[in-house]
Amino acid sequence: MQTRIGAIAMALTGAAVLGASGSAFANAPASTPPTFQQIDTDRSGTVSEPELHVAGKQQGVSESNIRKAFHLVDRDSNGQISKEEFSQASRTQ
């Protein structure tokens, strides 16, 4: 399972959905990966599937790839991607 999560995270990183925590998404071209804080638009401290969909669509990622990635990165299957899950997926490149 870890290998599949890593593969999806790498695909998302390559598609600019997951990125390094220091990326400057707000003032950069669409190809710059957004940070966790930028994807977490409701400031809940977690990323929901709809929030990841918005970020992914802005980066040109297909709905099916976003959905697959969300469910693989959400390791505890609670319907939210925590900062820890996001960081682990971003590092698994």
Protein backbone atom coordinates (compact mmCIF):
# COMPACT_ATOMS: atom_id res chain seq x y z
CA MET A 1 0.00 0.00 0.00
CA GLN A 2 2.84 2.44 0.83
CA THR A 3 4.23 1.99 -2.69
CA ARG A 4 0.85 2.81 -4.25
CA ILE A 5 0.50 5.89 -2.05
CA GLY A 6 3.98 6.97 -3.06
CA ALA A 7 3.20 6.45 -6.73
CA ILE A 8 0.01 8.49 -6.52
CA ALA A 9 1.73 11.19 -4.48
CA MET A 10 4.49 11.35 -7.08
CA ALA A 11 1.89 11.63 -9.84
CA LEU A 12 0.15 14.42 -7.95
CA THR A 13 3.44 16.19 -7.30
CA GLY A 14 4.29 15.91 -10.97
CA ALA A 15 0.85 17.21 -11.84
CA ALA A 16 1.41 20.07 -9.37
CA VAL A 17 -1.32 19.14 -6.90
CA LEU A 18 0.95 18.33 -3.96
CA GLY A 19 4.01 20.46 -3.47
CA ALA A 20 6.74 21.54 -1.14
CA SER A 21 5.55 23.55 1.80
CA GLY A 22 7.41 26.63 0.60
CA SER A 23 5.89 27.05 -2.85
CA ALA A 24 4.54 30.50 -3.64
CA PHE A 25 1.27 29.44 -5.26
CA ALA A 26 -0.60 32.70 -4.84
CA ASN A 27 1.77 34.75 -7.01
CA ALA A 28 3.03 32.04 -9.33
CA PRO A 29 1.97 30.38 -12.57
CA ALA A 30 -0.58 27.55 -12.42
CA SER A 31 2.21 24.96 -12.73
CA THR A 32 3.58 25.82 -9.27
CA PRO A 33 2.32 23.29 -6.71
CA PRO A 34 0.05 24.69 -3.99
CA THR A 35 0.94 24.23 -0.35
CA PHE A 36 -1.23 22.48 2.22
CA GLN A 37 -2.40 25.83 3.57
CA GLN A 38 -3.42 26.98 0.11
CA ILE A 39 -5.43 23.82 -0.57
CA ASP A 40 -7.08 23.96 2.90
CA THR A 41 -9.30 26.86 1.89
CA ASP A 42 -11.68 26.55 4.84
CA ARG A 43 -8.74 26.65 7.28
CA SER A 44 -9.94 23.52 9.07
CA GLY A 45 -6.45 22.08 9.39
CA THR A 46 -7.28 19.24 7.00
CA VAL A 47 -7.84 18.95 3.25
CA SER A 48 -11.23 17.62 2.18
CA GLU A 49 -11.85 15.85 -1.11
CA PRO A 50 -13.68 18.89 -2.55
CA GLU A 51 -10.73 21.12 -1.62
CA LEU A 52 -8.29 18.74 -3.34
CA HIS A 53 -10.61 18.64 -6.37
CA VAL A 54 -10.47 22.43 -6.70
CA ALA A 55 -6.66 22.48 -6.41
CA GLY A 56 -6.27 19.55 -8.79
CA LYS A 57 -8.60 21.00 -11.40
CA GLN A 58 -6.72 24.31 -11.27
CA GLN A 59 -3.59 22.31 -12.07
CA GLY A 60 -5.22 20.31 -14.89
CA VAL A 61 -5.49 16.97 -13.09
CA SER A 62 -8.39 14.70 -14.08
CA GLU A 63 -11.29 14.06 -11.69
CA SER A 64 -10.52 10.34 -11.55
CA ASN A 65 -6.84 10.91 -10.69
CA ILE A 66 -7.77 13.39 -7.98
CA ARG A 67 -10.30 10.97 -6.49
CA LYS A 68 -7.84 8.03 -6.57
CA ALA A 69 -5.07 10.12 -5.06
CA PHE A 70 -7.28 11.48 -2.31
CA HIS A 71 -8.29 8.02 -1.16
CA LEU A 72 -4.71 6.76 -1.24
CA VAL A 73 -3.21 9.74 0.57
CA ASP A 74 -6.02 9.71 3.18
CA ARG A 75 -4.32 6.81 4.93
CA ASP A 76 -6.70 6.58 7.88
CA SER A 77 -9.76 6.80 5.58
CA ASN A 78 -11.45 9.47 7.67
CA GLY A 79 -12.41 11.60 4.65
CA GLN A 80 -9.78 14.25 5.37
CA ILE A 81 -6.09 14.58 4.51
CA SER A 82 -4.20 15.70 7.58
CA LYS A 83 -1.07 17.84 7.43
CA GLU A 84 0.92 14.72 8.35
CA GLU A 85 -0.64 12.62 5.56
CA PHE A 86 -0.07 15.46 3.09
CA SER A 87 3.56 15.86 4.17
CA GLN A 88 4.22 12.13 3.96
CA ALA A 89 2.72 11.96 0.46
CA SER A 90 4.67 15.04 -0.66
CA ARG A 91 7.93 13.50 0.58
CA THR A 92 7.29 10.12 -1.06
CA GLN A 93 8.64 11.13 -4.45
